[in-house]
Amino acid sequence: WRAMLARYVPNKGVTGDPHLTLFVARLNLQTT
């Protein structure tokens, strides 16, 4: 319900080519 009512706009401050970018998750909090 919250997602359906949300009006989200992508962060314009993020730079770079999104089609060449990977998302990496579930990292150890100590990973640098």
All heavy atoms as atom14 arrays in JSON, in Angstrom:
{
  "sequence": "WRAMLARYVPNKGVTGDPHLTLFVARLNLQTT",
  "atom14_mask": [
    [1, 1, 1, 1, 1, 1, 1, 1, 1, 1, 1, 1, 1, 1],
    [1, 1, 1, 1, 1, 1, 1, 1, 1, 1, 1, 0, 0, 0],
    [1, 1, 1, 1, 1, 0, 0, 0, 0, 0, 0, 0, 0, 0],
    [1, 1, 1, 1, 1, 1, 1, 1, 0, 0, 0, 0, 0, 0],
    [1, 1, 1, 1, 1, 1, 1, 1, 0, 0, 0, 0, 0, 0],
    [1, 1, 1, 1, 1, 0, 0, 0, 0, 0, 0, 0, 0, 0],
    [1, 1, 1, 1, 1, 1, 1, 1, 1, 1, 1, 0, 0, 0],
    [1, 1, 1, 1, 1, 1, 1, 1, 1, 1, 1, 1, 0, 0],
    [1, 1, 1, 1, 1, 1, 1, 0, 0, 0, 0, 0, 0, 0],
    [1, 1, 1, 1, 1, 1, 1, 0, 0, 0, 0, 0, 0, 0],
    [1, 1, 1, 1, 1, 1, 1, 1, 0, 0, 0, 0, 0, 0],
    [1, 1, 1, 1, 1, 1, 1, 1, 1, 0, 0, 0, 0, 0],
    [1, 1, 1, 1, 0, 0, 0, 0, 0, 0, 0, 0, 0, 0],
    [1, 1, 1, 1, 1, 1, 1, 0, 0, 0, 0, 0, 0, 0],
    [1, 1, 1, 1, 1, 1, 1, 0, 0, 0, 0, 0, 0, 0],
    [1, 1, 1, 1, 0, 0, 0, 0, 0, 0, 0, 0, 0, 0],
    [1, 1, 1, 1, 1, 1, 1, 1, 0, 0, 0, 0, 0, 0],
    [1, 1, 1, 1, 1, 1, 1, 0, 0, 0, 0, 0, 0, 0],
    [1, 1, 1, 1, 1, 1, 1, 1, 1, 1, 0, 0, 0, 0],
    [1, 1, 1, 1, 1, 1, 1, 1, 0, 0, 0, 0, 0, 0],
    [1, 1, 1, 1, 1, 1, 1, 0, 0, 0, 0, 0, 0, 0],
    [1, 1, 1, 1, 1, 1, 1, 1, 0, 0, 0, 0, 0, 0],
    [1, 1, 1, 1, 1, 1, 1, 1, 1, 1, 1, 0, 0, 0],
    [1, 1, 1, 1, 1, 1, 1, 0, 0, 0, 0, 0, 0, 0],
    [1, 1, 1, 1, 1, 0, 0, 0, 0, 0, 0, 0, 0, 0],
    [1, 1, 1, 1, 1, 1, 1, 1, 1, 1, 1, 0, 0, 0],
    [1, 1, 1, 1, 1, 1, 1, 1, 0, 0, 0, 0, 0, 0],
    [1, 1, 1, 1, 1, 1, 1, 1, 0, 0, 0, 0, 0, 0],
    [1, 1, 1, 1, 1, 1, 1, 1, 0, 0, 0, 0, 0, 0],
    [1, 1, 1, 1, 1, 1, 1, 1, 1, 0, 0, 0, 0, 0],
    [1, 1, 1, 1, 1, 1, 1, 0, 0, 0, 0, 0, 0, 0],
    [1, 1, 1, 1, 1, 1, 1, 0, 0, 0, 0, 0, 0, 0]
  ],
  "atom14_positions": [
    [[0.84, -1.2, 0.0], [0.0, 0.0, 0.0], [0.87, 1.25, 0.0], [0.6, 2.21, -0.74], [-0.92, 0.01, 1.22], [-2.17, -0.79, 1.07], [-2.52, -1.92, 1.75], [-3.26, -0.52, 0.17], [-3.74, -2.38, 1.34], [-4.22, -1.54, 0.37], [-3.5, 0.46, -0.78], [-5.41, -1.59, -0.34], [-4.69, 0.41, -1.49], [-5.63, -0.59, -1.28]],
    [[1.92, 1.26, 0.82], [2.81, 2.43, 0.88], [3.51, 2.66, -0.45], [3.66, 3.8, -0.9], [3.85, 2.25, 1.99], [3.26, 2.28, 3.39], [4.33, 2.48, 4.45], [5.22, 1.34, 4.53], [6.51, 1.38, 4.19], [7.05, 2.5, 3.72], [7.27, 0.32, 4.31], [0.0, 0.0, 0.0], [0.0, 0.0, 0.0], [0.0, 0.0, 0.0]],
    [[3.93, 1.58, -1.08], [4.59, 1.71, -2.38], [3.64, 2.21, -3.46], [4.02, 3.0, -4.33], [5.21, 0.38, -2.78], [0.0, 0.0, 0.0], [0.0, 0.0, 0.0], [0.0, 0.0, 0.0], [0.0, 0.0, 0.0], [0.0, 0.0, 0.0], [0.0, 0.0, 0.0], [0.0, 0.0, 0.0], [0.0, 0.0, 0.0], [0.0, 0.0, 0.0]],
    [[2.39, 1.76, -3.42], [1.41, 2.19, -4.41], [1.05, 3.66, -4.26], [0.74, 4.35, -5.24], [0.15, 1.32, -4.31], [0.37, -0.13, -4.71], [-1.06, -1.2, -4.38], [-2.26, -0.5, -5.5], [0.0, 0.0, 0.0], [0.0, 0.0, 0.0], [0.0, 0.0, 0.0], [0.0, 0.0, 0.0], [0.0, 0.0, 0.0], [0.0, 0.0, 0.0]],
    [[1.1, 4.15, -3.01], [0.77, 5.56, -2.76], [1.98, 6.48, -2.85], [1.82, 7.7, -2.82], [0.13, 5.69, -1.37], [-1.2, 4.94, -1.18], [-1.66, 5.06, 0.27], [-2.27, 5.46, -2.12], [0.0, 0.0, 0.0], [0.0, 0.0, 0.0], [0.0, 0.0, 0.0], [0.0, 0.0, 0.0], [0.0, 0.0, 0.0], [0.0, 0.0, 0.0]],
    [[3.17, 5.91, -2.96], [4.4, 6.72, -2.98], [4.57, 7.39, -4.35], [4.19, 6.84, -5.39], [5.61, 5.87, -2.67], [0.0, 0.0, 0.0], [0.0, 0.0, 0.0], [0.0, 0.0, 0.0], [0.0, 0.0, 0.0], [0.0, 0.0, 0.0], [0.0, 0.0, 0.0], [0.0, 0.0, 0.0], [0.0, 0.0, 0.0], [0.0, 0.0, 0.0]],
    [[5.14, 8.57, -4.33], [5.49, 9.3, -5.56], [6.99, 9.52, -5.53], [7.49, 10.55, -5.08], [4.74, 10.63, -5.63], [3.23, 10.49, -5.72], [2.83, 9.86, -7.04], [1.38, 9.72, -7.17], [0.72, 8.63, -6.84], [1.39, 7.58, -6.38], [-0.58, 8.55, -6.98], [0.0, 0.0, 0.0], [0.0, 0.0, 0.0], [0.0, 0.0, 0.0]],
    [[7.72, 8.52, -5.99], [9.18, 8.54, -5.88], [9.81, 9.08, -7.16], [9.43, 8.69, -8.27], [9.71, 7.14, -5.59], [11.21, 7.06, -5.51], [11.9, 7.59, -4.42], [11.94, 6.47, -6.54], [13.28, 7.52, -4.36], [13.32, 6.39, -6.48], [13.98, 6.91, -5.39], [15.35, 6.85, -5.33], [0.0, 0.0, 0.0], [0.0, 0.0, 0.0]],
    [[10.8, 9.94, -6.98], [11.58, 10.48, -8.1], [13.03, 10.06, -7.88], [13.57, 10.26, -6.79], [11.48, 12.01, -8.17], [12.31, 12.55, -9.33], [10.02, 12.43, -8.33], [0.0, 0.0, 0.0], [0.0, 0.0, 0.0], [0.0, 0.0, 0.0], [0.0, 0.0, 0.0], [0.0, 0.0, 0.0], [0.0, 0.0, 0.0], [0.0, 0.0, 0.0]],
    [[13.67, 9.44, -8.86], [15.06, 9.01, -8.68], [15.98, 10.17, -8.28], [15.74, 11.32, -8.65], [15.44, 8.46, -10.06], [14.14, 8.08, -10.68], [13.13, 9.05, -10.18], [0.0, 0.0, 0.0], [0.0, 0.0, 0.0], [0.0, 0.0, 0.0], [0.0, 0.0, 0.0], [0.0, 0.0, 0.0], [0.0, 0.0, 0.0], [0.0, 0.0, 0.0]],
    [[16.98, 9.83, -7.52], [17.92, 10.83, -7.01], [18.69, 11.45, -8.18], [19.44, 10.76, -8.89], [18.88, 10.17, -6.02], [19.75, 11.2, -5.32], [19.64, 12.4, -5.54], [20.61, 10.7, -4.45], [0.0, 0.0, 0.0], [0.0, 0.0, 0.0], [0.0, 0.0, 0.0], [0.0, 0.0, 0.0], [0.0, 0.0, 0.0], [0.0, 0.0, 0.0]],
    [[18.48, 12.75, -8.38], [19.16, 13.43, -9.48], [20.63, 13.7, -9.19], [21.41, 14.03, -10.09], [18.45, 14.74, -9.79], [17.01, 14.55, -10.27], [16.36, 15.88, -10.58], [14.92, 15.69, -11.07], [14.26, 16.99, -11.38], [0.0, 0.0, 0.0], [0.0, 0.0, 0.0], [0.0, 0.0, 0.0], [0.0, 0.0, 0.0], [0.0, 0.0, 0.0]],
    [[21.01, 13.57, -7.92], [22.41, 13.81, -7.57], [23.32, 12.66, -7.93], [24.55, 12.8, -7.9], [0.0, 0.0, 0.0], [0.0, 0.0, 0.0], [0.0, 0.0, 0.0], [0.0, 0.0, 0.0], [0.0, 0.0, 0.0], [0.0, 0.0, 0.0], [0.0, 0.0, 0.0], [0.0, 0.0, 0.0], [0.0, 0.0, 0.0], [0.0, 0.0, 0.0]],
    [[22.76, 11.5, -8.3], [23.57, 10.35, -8.68], [24.06, 10.53, -10.11], [23.27, 10.8, -11.02], [22.76, 9.05, -8.55], [23.6, 7.86, -8.99], [22.29, 8.87, -7.12], [0.0, 0.0, 0.0], [0.0, 0.0, 0.0], [0.0, 0.0, 0.0], [0.0, 0.0, 0.0], [0.0, 0.0, 0.0], [0.0, 0.0, 0.0], [0.0, 0.0, 0.0]],
    [[25.36, 10.4, -10.3], [25.96, 10.57, -11.63], [26.43, 9.23, -12.16], [26.48, 8.24, -11.43], [27.15, 11.54, -11.55], [28.12, 11.02, -10.62], [26.69, 12.91, -11.09], [0.0, 0.0, 0.0], [0.0, 0.0, 0.0], [0.0, 0.0, 0.0], [0.0, 0.0, 0.0], [0.0, 0.0, 0.0], [0.0, 0.0, 0.0], [0.0, 0.0, 0.0]],
    [[26.76, 9.19, -13.43], [27.25, 7.97, -14.05], [26.22, 7.37, -14.98], [25.06, 7.79, -15.02], [0.0, 0.0, 0.0], [0.0, 0.0, 0.0], [0.0, 0.0, 0.0], [0.0, 0.0, 0.0], [0.0, 0.0, 0.0], [0.0, 0.0, 0.0], [0.0, 0.0, 0.0], [0.0, 0.0, 0.0], [0.0, 0.0, 0.0], [0.0, 0.0, 0.0]],
    [[26.67, 6.39, -15.74], [25.81, 5.71, -16.71], [25.07, 4.58, -16.0], [25.69, 3.62, -15.54], [26.65, 5.17, -17.86], [25.79, 4.64, -18.99], [24.56, 4.55, -18.81], [26.35, 4.31, -20.06], [0.0, 0.0, 0.0], [0.0, 0.0, 0.0], [0.0, 0.0, 0.0], [0.0, 0.0, 0.0], [0.0, 0.0, 0.0], [0.0, 0.0, 0.0]],
    [[23.74, 4.66, -15.89], [23.01, 3.59, -15.18], [23.06, 2.26, -15.91], [22.9, 1.21, -15.28], [21.58, 4.13, -15.11], [21.48, 5.1, -16.24], [22.83, 5.71, -16.38], [0.0, 0.0, 0.0], [0.0, 0.0, 0.0], [0.0, 0.0, 0.0], [0.0, 0.0, 0.0], [0.0, 0.0, 0.0], [0.0, 0.0, 0.0], [0.0, 0.0, 0.0]],
    [[23.29, 2.27, -17.22], [23.33, 1.03, -17.98], [24.67, 0.32, -17.87], [24.81, -0.8, -18.4], [23.01, 1.31, -19.45], [21.64, 1.89, -19.66], [20.5, 1.13, -19.61], [21.23, 3.17, -19.89], [19.44, 1.9, -19.81], [19.86, 3.14, -20.0], [0.0, 0.0, 0.0], [0.0, 0.0, 0.0], [0.0, 0.0, 0.0], [0.0, 0.0, 0.0]],
    [[25.61, 0.94, -17.2], [26.91, 0.31, -16.95], [27.16, 0.14, -15.45], [28.3, -0.08, -15.04], [28.05, 1.16, -17.56], [28.08, 1.24, -19.09], [29.19, 2.18, -19.54], [28.24, -0.14, -19.72], [0.0, 0.0, 0.0], [0.0, 0.0, 0.0], [0.0, 0.0, 0.0], [0.0, 0.0, 0.0], [0.0, 0.0, 0.0], [0.0, 0.0, 0.0]],
    [[26.13, 0.21, -14.65], [26.26, 0.19, -13.2], [25.63, -1.07, -12.62], [24.53, -1.46, -13.02], [25.6, 1.42, -12.56], [26.18, 2.6, -13.14], [25.82, 1.45, -11.06], [0.0, 0.0, 0.0], [0.0, 0.0, 0.0], [0.0, 0.0, 0.0], [0.0, 0.0, 0.0], [0.0, 0.0, 0.0], [0.0, 0.0, 0.0], [0.0, 0.0, 0.0]],
    [[26.35, -1.7, -11.69], [25.86, -2.87, -10.97], [25.43, -2.48, -9.56], [26.01, -1.59, -8.94], [26.95, -3.94, -10.87], [27.24, -4.79, -12.1], [28.33, -5.79, -11.78], [26.0, -5.51, -12.59], [0.0, 0.0, 0.0], [0.0, 0.0, 0.0], [0.0, 0.0, 0.0], [0.0, 0.0, 0.0], [0.0, 0.0, 0.0], [0.0, 0.0, 0.0]],
    [[24.43, -3.18, -9.07], [23.98, -3.03, -7.69], [24.48, -4.24, -6.91], [24.2, -5.39, -7.26], [22.45, -2.95, -7.64], [21.87, -3.05, -6.25], [22.05, -2.02, -5.35], [21.15, -4.17, -5.86], [21.51, -2.1, -4.07], [20.6, -4.26, -4.6], [20.79, -3.22, -3.69], [0.0, 0.0, 0.0], [0.0, 0.0, 0.0], [0.0, 0.0, 0.0]],
    [[25.24, -3.99, -5.84], [25.83, -5.05, -5.02], [25.26, -4.92, -3.62], [25.4, -3.87, -2.98], [27.37, -4.95, -4.99], [27.96, -6.12, -4.21], [27.94, -4.93, -6.41], [0.0, 0.0, 0.0], [0.0, 0.0, 0.0], [0.0, 0.0, 0.0], [0.0, 0.0, 0.0], [0.0, 0.0, 0.0], [0.0, 0.0, 0.0], [0.0, 0.0, 0.0]],
    [[24.6, -5.99, -3.14], [23.93, -5.94, -1.84], [24.37, -7.11, -0.97], [25.14, -7.97, -1.41], [22.41, -5.97, -2.03], [0.0, 0.0, 0.0], [0.0, 0.0, 0.0], [0.0, 0.0, 0.0], [0.0, 0.0, 0.0], [0.0, 0.0, 0.0], [0.0, 0.0, 0.0], [0.0, 0.0, 0.0], [0.0, 0.0, 0.0], [0.0, 0.0, 0.0]],
    [[23.9, -7.1, 0.29], [24.2, -8.12, 1.31], [25.68, -8.16, 1.64], [26.26, -9.23, 1.88], [23.69, -9.49, 0.87], [22.2, -9.52, 0.6], [21.74, -10.82, -0.01], [20.35, -10.74, -0.46], [19.74, -11.65, -1.21], [20.4, -12.71, -1.59], [18.48, -11.49, -1.56], [0.0, 0.0, 0.0], [0.0, 0.0, 0.0], [0.0, 0.0, 0.0]],
    [[26.27, -6.99, 1.67], [27.7, -6.89, 1.99], [27.91, -6.95, 3.5], [27.03, -6.57, 4.29], [28.27, -5.59, 1.44], [28.33, -5.43, -0.07], [28.72, -3.99, -0.42], [29.32, -6.41, -0.68], [0.0, 0.0, 0.0], [0.0, 0.0, 0.0], [0.0, 0.0, 0.0], [0.0, 0.0, 0.0], [0.0, 0.0, 0.0], [0.0, 0.0, 0.0]],
    [[29.06, -7.42, 3.85], [29.49, -7.32, 5.25], [29.67, -5.84, 5.59], [30.2, -5.07, 4.79], [30.8, -8.08, 5.45], [31.16, -8.23, 6.91], [30.87, -7.37, 7.74], [31.79, -9.34, 7.23], [0.0, 0.0, 0.0], [0.0, 0.0, 0.0], [0.0, 0.0, 0.0], [0.0, 0.0, 0.0], [0.0, 0.0, 0.0], [0.0, 0.0, 0.0]],
    [[29.2, -5.44, 6.76], [29.3, -4.02, 7.14], [30.74, -3.57, 7.29], [31.01, -2.36, 7.31], [28.54, -3.78, 8.44], [27.03, -4.08, 8.39], [26.38, -3.77, 9.73], [26.36, -3.31, 7.27], [0.0, 0.0, 0.0], [0.0, 0.0, 0.0], [0.0, 0.0, 0.0], [0.0, 0.0, 0.0], [0.0, 0.0, 0.0], [0.0, 0.0, 0.0]],
    [[31.68, -4.51, 7.37], [33.1, -4.17, 7.47], [33.79, -4.1, 6.11], [34.96, -3.71, 6.03], [33.83, -5.22, 8.34], [33.21, -5.4, 9.72], [33.2, -4.12, 10.53], [34.15, -3.32, 10.46], [32.15, -3.92, 11.31], [0.0, 0.0, 0.0], [0.0, 0.0, 0.0], [0.0, 0.0, 0.0], [0.0, 0.0, 0.0], [0.0, 0.0, 0.0]],
    [[33.08, -4.46, 5.05], [33.67, -4.43, 3.71], [33.86, -2.98, 3.25], [32.96, -2.15, 3.38], [32.77, -5.17, 2.71], [32.61, -6.52, 3.16], [33.38, -5.19, 1.33], [0.0, 0.0, 0.0], [0.0, 0.0, 0.0], [0.0, 0.0, 0.0], [0.0, 0.0, 0.0], [0.0, 0.0, 0.0], [0.0, 0.0, 0.0], [0.0, 0.0, 0.0]],
    [[35.03, -2.67, 2.69], [35.37, -1.3, 2.28], [35.4, -1.18, 0.76], [35.29, -2.17, 0.02], [36.75, -0.92, 2.84], [37.74, -1.83, 2.31], [36.76, -1.0, 4.36], [0.0, 0.0, 0.0], [0.0, 0.0, 0.0], [0.0, 0.0, 0.0], [0.0, 0.0, 0.0], [0.0, 0.0, 0.0], [0.0, 0.0, 0.0], [0.0, 0.0, 0.0]]
  ]
}
